[in-house]
Amino acid sequence: MRNLRNTVQLIGNVGQAPELKTFDSGTKMTKFSLATNESFTNAKGEKVENVNWHNVVVWGKLGEVVAKHVSKGQELAIEGKLNNRSYEDKDGNKKYITEIIMNEFLFIGSKAKQETQPF
């Protein structure tokens, strides 16, 4: 059961194009947002759509692959772990953020067929 700790699997659409950043140390990080959708019928019989946005972070070589091959709107299946952190903004206010540190991904949906380059 050790492998089940802090594991996240999501299927969604890329909402923000991946952004690659290289630090002074040479370490590379890519960030993007992923939208997951769910729909249900409420007590009044109305169909309700609920969209959740997730911040995704990818480190190293996999981050480079994501920055090169993933684009806004693509449907992805991702696997990773949750990470919570805090920081102070420029005004000194403490901010909290939850991110998914992605370990692997798959292209799915109709745009997956358009991707032909091997990784």
N, C-alpha and C. Protein backbone atom coordinates (compact mmCIF):
# COMPACT_ATOMS: atom_id res chain seq x y z
N MET A 1 0.82 -1.20 0.00
CA MET A 1 0.00 0.00 0.00
C MET A 1 0.86 1.27 0.00
N ARG A 2 2.17 1.12 0.12
CA ARG A 2 3.04 2.29 0.16
C ARG A 2 2.94 3.12 -1.11
N ASN A 3 2.69 2.50 -2.25
CA ASN A 3 2.61 3.22 -3.52
C ASN A 3 1.34 4.05 -3.65
N LEU A 4 0.37 3.85 -2.78
CA LEU A 4 -0.88 4.59 -2.87
C LEU A 4 -0.81 5.93 -2.15
N ARG A 5 0.24 6.18 -1.41
CA ARG A 5 0.34 7.42 -0.65
C ARG A 5 0.63 8.60 -1.57
N ASN A 6 -0.18 9.63 -1.41
CA ASN A 6 -0.01 10.87 -2.15
C ASN A 6 0.12 10.64 -3.65
N THR A 7 -0.84 9.96 -4.24
CA THR A 7 -0.88 9.72 -5.67
C THR A 7 -2.11 10.39 -6.26
N VAL A 8 -1.92 11.12 -7.34
CA VAL A 8 -3.01 11.82 -8.02
C VAL A 8 -3.02 11.39 -9.48
N GLN A 9 -4.19 11.05 -9.99
CA GLN A 9 -4.36 10.75 -11.40
C GLN A 9 -5.53 11.58 -11.90
N LEU A 10 -5.32 12.33 -12.97
CA LEU A 10 -6.36 13.19 -13.51
C LEU A 10 -6.39 13.08 -15.03
N ILE A 11 -7.58 13.28 -15.58
CA ILE A 11 -7.74 13.44 -17.03
C ILE A 11 -8.40 14.79 -17.22
N GLY A 12 -7.79 15.62 -18.05
CA GLY A 12 -8.35 16.94 -18.28
C GLY A 12 -7.73 17.60 -19.49
N ASN A 13 -8.09 18.86 -19.68
CA ASN A 13 -7.61 19.64 -20.82
C ASN A 13 -6.65 20.72 -20.34
N VAL A 14 -5.58 20.89 -21.09
CA VAL A 14 -4.59 21.91 -20.77
C VAL A 14 -5.24 23.28 -20.96
N GLY A 15 -5.22 24.09 -19.92
CA GLY A 15 -5.87 25.41 -19.99
C GLY A 15 -4.90 26.52 -20.28
N GLN A 16 -3.69 26.37 -19.87
CA GLN A 16 -2.65 27.37 -20.07
C GLN A 16 -1.47 26.66 -20.72
N ALA A 17 -0.96 27.22 -21.79
CA ALA A 17 0.17 26.60 -22.48
C ALA A 17 1.33 26.42 -21.51
N PRO A 18 2.02 25.29 -21.58
CA PRO A 18 3.15 25.05 -20.69
C PRO A 18 4.22 26.13 -20.82
N GLU A 19 4.77 26.51 -19.67
CA GLU A 19 5.79 27.55 -19.60
C GLU A 19 7.05 26.95 -18.98
N LEU A 20 8.14 26.92 -19.76
CA LEU A 20 9.41 26.35 -19.32
C LEU A 20 10.27 27.43 -18.69
N LYS A 21 10.84 27.12 -17.52
CA LYS A 21 11.73 28.05 -16.83
C LYS A 21 13.02 27.31 -16.51
N THR A 22 14.16 27.96 -16.77
CA THR A 22 15.46 27.40 -16.43
C THR A 22 16.05 28.25 -15.31
N PHE A 23 16.41 27.60 -14.20
CA PHE A 23 16.99 28.28 -13.05
C PHE A 23 18.49 28.45 -13.25
N ASP A 24 19.10 29.31 -12.44
CA ASP A 24 20.54 29.57 -12.53
C ASP A 24 21.36 28.29 -12.39
N SER A 25 20.84 27.33 -11.64
CA SER A 25 21.55 26.06 -11.43
C SER A 25 21.49 25.16 -12.66
N GLY A 26 20.65 25.52 -13.65
CA GLY A 26 20.46 24.69 -14.84
C GLY A 26 19.25 23.79 -14.75
N THR A 27 18.64 23.70 -13.57
CA THR A 27 17.44 22.89 -13.38
C THR A 27 16.29 23.50 -14.18
N LYS A 28 15.50 22.64 -14.81
CA LYS A 28 14.37 23.10 -15.62
C LYS A 28 13.05 22.69 -15.00
N MET A 29 12.08 23.59 -15.09
CA MET A 29 10.74 23.36 -14.55
C MET A 29 9.72 23.89 -15.55
N THR A 30 8.68 23.12 -15.75
CA THR A 30 7.58 23.54 -16.61
C THR A 30 6.31 23.60 -15.79
N LYS A 31 5.51 24.63 -16.02
CA LYS A 31 4.23 24.79 -15.32
C LYS A 31 3.11 24.95 -16.35
N PHE A 32 1.95 24.38 -16.03
CA PHE A 32 0.76 24.60 -16.85
C PHE A 32 -0.46 24.34 -15.98
N SER A 33 -1.63 24.70 -16.49
CA SER A 33 -2.87 24.43 -15.76
C SER A 33 -3.64 23.34 -16.49
N LEU A 34 -4.39 22.57 -15.73
CA LEU A 34 -5.20 21.48 -16.27
C LEU A 34 -6.62 21.63 -15.73
N ALA A 35 -7.60 21.57 -16.61
CA ALA A 35 -9.01 21.68 -16.21
C ALA A 35 -9.65 20.30 -16.23
N THR A 36 -10.31 19.94 -15.13
CA THR A 36 -11.10 18.72 -15.09
C THR A 36 -12.57 19.11 -14.99
N ASN A 37 -13.42 18.37 -15.67
CA ASN A 37 -14.85 18.68 -15.73
C ASN A 37 -15.66 17.55 -15.14
N GLU A 38 -16.72 17.92 -14.46
CA GLU A 38 -17.70 16.93 -14.02
C GLU A 38 -19.08 17.55 -14.18
N SER A 39 -20.06 16.72 -14.46
CA SER A 39 -21.43 17.22 -14.57
C SER A 39 -22.35 16.32 -13.75
N PHE A 40 -23.40 16.95 -13.23
CA PHE A 40 -24.38 16.21 -12.45
C PHE A 40 -25.71 16.93 -12.55
N THR A 41 -26.77 16.24 -12.15
CA THR A 41 -28.10 16.83 -12.13
C THR A 41 -28.42 17.21 -10.69
N ASN A 42 -28.79 18.49 -10.50
CA ASN A 42 -29.08 18.95 -9.14
C ASN A 42 -30.49 18.56 -8.72
N ALA A 43 -30.90 18.97 -7.53
CA ALA A 43 -32.21 18.60 -6.98
C ALA A 43 -33.37 19.14 -7.81
N LYS A 44 -33.12 20.20 -8.58
CA LYS A 44 -34.16 20.79 -9.43
C LYS A 44 -34.23 20.12 -10.80
N GLY A 45 -33.36 19.15 -11.03
CA GLY A 45 -33.33 18.44 -12.31
C GLY A 45 -32.52 19.15 -13.38
N GLU A 46 -31.75 20.16 -12.98
CA GLU A 46 -30.94 20.92 -13.92
C GLU A 46 -29.55 20.30 -14.02
N LYS A 47 -29.02 20.28 -15.24
CA LYS A 47 -27.67 19.77 -15.43
C LYS A 47 -26.67 20.86 -15.01
N VAL A 48 -25.72 20.50 -14.16
CA VAL A 48 -24.73 21.44 -13.65
C VAL A 48 -23.35 20.97 -14.09
N GLU A 49 -22.57 21.89 -14.66
CA GLU A 49 -21.18 21.62 -15.05
C GLU A 49 -20.26 22.23 -14.00
N ASN A 50 -19.30 21.48 -13.56
CA ASN A 50 -18.34 21.97 -12.58
C ASN A 50 -16.94 21.77 -13.16
N VAL A 51 -16.17 22.87 -13.23
CA VAL A 51 -14.80 22.82 -13.74
C VAL A 51 -13.85 23.13 -12.60
N ASN A 52 -12.85 22.28 -12.43
CA ASN A 52 -11.80 22.51 -11.44
C ASN A 52 -10.48 22.74 -12.18
N TRP A 53 -9.74 23.74 -11.72
CA TRP A 53 -8.44 24.05 -12.31
C TRP A 53 -7.33 23.58 -11.39
N HIS A 54 -6.33 22.94 -11.97
CA HIS A 54 -5.22 22.38 -11.22
C HIS A 54 -3.91 22.96 -11.74
N ASN A 55 -3.03 23.35 -10.83
CA ASN A 55 -1.69 23.81 -11.19
C ASN A 55 -0.79 22.59 -11.27
N VAL A 56 -0.10 22.43 -12.41
CA VAL A 56 0.76 21.27 -12.62
C VAL A 56 2.20 21.75 -12.81
N VAL A 57 3.13 21.07 -12.13
CA VAL A 57 4.56 21.38 -12.21
C VAL A 57 5.29 20.12 -12.67
N VAL A 58 6.22 20.29 -13.60
CA VAL A 58 6.99 19.16 -14.13
C VAL A 58 8.46 19.56 -14.12
N TRP A 59 9.30 18.71 -13.55
CA TRP A 59 10.73 19.01 -13.41
C TRP A 59 11.57 18.25 -14.42
N GLY A 60 12.74 18.80 -14.74
CA GLY A 60 13.77 18.12 -15.52
C GLY A 60 13.42 17.85 -16.96
N LYS A 61 13.92 16.70 -17.45
CA LYS A 61 13.76 16.31 -18.86
C LYS A 61 12.29 16.17 -19.24
N LEU A 62 11.47 15.60 -18.34
CA LEU A 62 10.05 15.46 -18.64
C LEU A 62 9.41 16.84 -18.82
N GLY A 63 9.85 17.81 -18.05
CA GLY A 63 9.35 19.18 -18.21
C GLY A 63 9.68 19.76 -19.58
N GLU A 64 10.88 19.44 -20.07
CA GLU A 64 11.26 19.89 -21.42
C GLU A 64 10.37 19.26 -22.48
N VAL A 65 10.08 17.96 -22.31
CA VAL A 65 9.21 17.25 -23.26
C VAL A 65 7.82 17.89 -23.26
N VAL A 66 7.29 18.16 -22.07
CA VAL A 66 5.96 18.78 -21.96
C VAL A 66 5.96 20.15 -22.64
N ALA A 67 6.97 20.96 -22.38
CA ALA A 67 7.03 22.30 -22.97
C ALA A 67 7.08 22.24 -24.49
N LYS A 68 7.73 21.22 -25.03
CA LYS A 68 7.89 21.10 -26.48
C LYS A 68 6.66 20.51 -27.17
N HIS A 69 5.97 19.57 -26.52
CA HIS A 69 4.94 18.80 -27.22
C HIS A 69 3.50 19.04 -26.76
N VAL A 70 3.30 19.67 -25.62
CA VAL A 70 1.95 19.87 -25.08
C VAL A 70 1.51 21.29 -25.37
N SER A 71 0.25 21.44 -25.78
CA SER A 71 -0.27 22.77 -26.07
C SER A 71 -1.65 22.96 -25.46
N LYS A 72 -2.06 24.19 -25.38
CA LYS A 72 -3.36 24.56 -24.80
C LYS A 72 -4.47 23.79 -25.51
N GLY A 73 -5.39 23.26 -24.71
CA GLY A 73 -6.56 22.55 -25.25
C GLY A 73 -6.39 21.06 -25.36
N GLN A 74 -5.16 20.55 -25.34
CA GLN A 74 -4.95 19.11 -25.46
C GLN A 74 -5.50 18.38 -24.25
N GLU A 75 -6.03 17.19 -24.50
CA GLU A 75 -6.51 16.35 -23.41
C GLU A 75 -5.38 15.43 -22.97
N LEU A 76 -5.10 15.44 -21.66
CA LEU A 76 -4.03 14.64 -21.09
C LEU A 76 -4.52 13.80 -19.93
N ALA A 77 -3.89 12.66 -19.74
CA ALA A 77 -4.01 11.91 -18.49
C ALA A 77 -2.68 12.12 -17.79
N ILE A 78 -2.73 12.54 -16.53
CA ILE A 78 -1.49 12.78 -15.80
C ILE A 78 -1.48 11.98 -14.51
N GLU A 79 -0.26 11.71 -14.02
CA GLU A 79 -0.07 11.04 -12.74
C GLU A 79 1.02 11.81 -12.00
N GLY A 80 0.80 11.99 -10.70
CA GLY A 80 1.79 12.71 -9.91
C GLY A 80 1.43 12.67 -8.44
N LYS A 81 1.90 13.70 -7.72
CA LYS A 81 1.61 13.80 -6.29
C LYS A 81 1.24 15.23 -5.95
N LEU A 82 0.48 15.41 -4.87
CA LEU A 82 0.11 16.73 -4.40
C LEU A 82 1.25 17.36 -3.62
N ASN A 83 1.41 18.65 -3.81
CA ASN A 83 2.41 19.41 -3.06
C ASN A 83 1.78 20.72 -2.61
N ASN A 84 1.85 21.00 -1.32
CA ASN A 84 1.35 22.25 -0.77
C ASN A 84 2.55 23.10 -0.34
N ARG A 85 2.49 24.37 -0.66
CA ARG A 85 3.57 25.26 -0.25
C ARG A 85 3.01 26.65 0.00
N SER A 86 3.81 27.48 0.63
CA SER A 86 3.41 28.86 0.88
C SER A 86 4.57 29.78 0.52
N TYR A 87 4.24 31.03 0.25
CA TYR A 87 5.24 32.05 -0.08
C TYR A 87 4.67 33.41 0.26
N GLU A 88 5.52 34.41 0.29
CA GLU A 88 5.07 35.78 0.51
C GLU A 88 5.10 36.52 -0.81
N ASP A 89 3.99 37.22 -1.13
CA ASP A 89 3.95 38.01 -2.36
C ASP A 89 4.72 39.31 -2.16
N LYS A 90 4.77 40.13 -3.19
CA LYS A 90 5.58 41.36 -3.13
C LYS A 90 5.10 42.34 -2.07
N ASP A 91 3.83 42.21 -1.62
CA ASP A 91 3.29 43.08 -0.57
C ASP A 91 3.44 42.48 0.82
N GLY A 92 4.09 41.32 0.92
CA GLY A 92 4.32 40.69 2.21
C GLY A 92 3.17 39.82 2.69
N ASN A 93 2.17 39.59 1.84
CA ASN A 93 1.04 38.72 2.20
C ASN A 93 1.41 37.26 1.98
N LYS A 94 1.06 36.42 2.94
CA LYS A 94 1.35 34.99 2.82
C LYS A 94 0.31 34.36 1.89
N LYS A 95 0.79 33.63 0.89
CA LYS A 95 -0.05 32.95 -0.09
C LYS A 95 0.18 31.45 0.02
N TYR A 96 -0.86 30.69 -0.21
CA TYR A 96 -0.79 29.23 -0.18
C TYR A 96 -1.16 28.70 -1.56
N ILE A 97 -0.48 27.66 -1.98
CA ILE A 97 -0.76 27.08 -3.29
C ILE A 97 -0.66 25.56 -3.20
N THR A 98 -1.55 24.89 -3.90
CA THR A 98 -1.50 23.43 -4.03
C THR A 98 -1.18 23.13 -5.49
N GLU A 99 -0.19 22.30 -5.71
CA GLU A 99 0.24 21.94 -7.06
C GLU A 99 0.30 20.43 -7.19
N ILE A 100 0.25 19.98 -8.42
CA ILE A 100 0.48 18.57 -8.72
C ILE A 100 1.87 18.49 -9.33
N ILE A 101 2.75 17.71 -8.70
CA ILE A 101 4.07 17.46 -9.26
C ILE A 101 3.92 16.23 -10.16
N MET A 102 3.95 16.47 -11.46
CA MET A 102 3.65 15.41 -12.44
C MET A 102 4.85 14.50 -12.66
N ASN A 103 4.58 13.18 -12.68
CA ASN A 103 5.61 12.18 -12.93
C ASN A 103 5.53 11.59 -14.33
N GLU A 104 4.30 11.48 -14.85
CA GLU A 104 4.12 10.94 -16.20
C GLU A 104 2.80 11.42 -16.77
N PHE A 105 2.68 11.30 -18.10
CA PHE A 105 1.45 11.73 -18.77
C PHE A 105 1.24 10.93 -20.05
N LEU A 106 0.00 10.97 -20.52
CA LEU A 106 -0.37 10.37 -21.80
C LEU A 106 -1.24 11.35 -22.56
N PHE A 107 -1.02 11.44 -23.87
CA PHE A 107 -1.93 12.19 -24.72
C PHE A 107 -3.17 11.32 -24.91
N ILE A 108 -4.34 11.90 -24.76
CA ILE A 108 -5.59 11.18 -25.05
C ILE A 108 -6.50 12.10 -25.84
N GLY A 109 -7.60 11.57 -26.32
CA GLY A 109 -8.53 12.38 -27.09
C GLY A 109 -8.08 12.51 -28.53
N SER A 110 -8.83 13.31 -29.29
CA SER A 110 -8.59 13.43 -30.73
C SER A 110 -7.27 14.08 -31.07
N LYS A 111 -6.77 15.00 -30.23
CA LYS A 111 -5.50 15.65 -30.53
C LYS A 111 -4.31 14.71 -30.33
N ALA A 112 -4.49 13.63 -29.59
CA ALA A 112 -3.40 12.67 -29.38
C ALA A 112 -2.96 12.06 -30.70
N LYS A 113 -3.88 11.87 -31.62
CA LYS A 113 -3.57 11.27 -32.90
C LYS A 113 -2.72 12.19 -33.76
N GLN A 114 -2.78 13.50 -33.51
CA GLN A 114 -2.00 14.46 -34.28
C GLN A 114 -0.54 14.46 -33.86
N GLU A 115 -0.25 14.01 -32.66
CA GLU A 115 1.12 14.00 -32.14
C GLU A 115 1.86 12.80 -32.72
N THR A 116 2.90 13.05 -33.51
CA THR A 116 3.59 11.95 -34.18
C THR A 116 5.04 11.82 -33.76
N GLN A 117 5.60 12.81 -33.07
CA GLN A 117 7.00 12.74 -32.70
C GLN A 117 7.19 11.85 -31.48
N PRO A 118 8.15 10.94 -31.53
CA PRO A 118 8.44 10.10 -30.36
C PRO A 118 9.17 10.91 -29.30
N PHE A 119 9.05 10.50 -28.05
CA PHE A 119 9.74 11.18 -26.95
C PHE A 119 10.92 10.35 -26.54
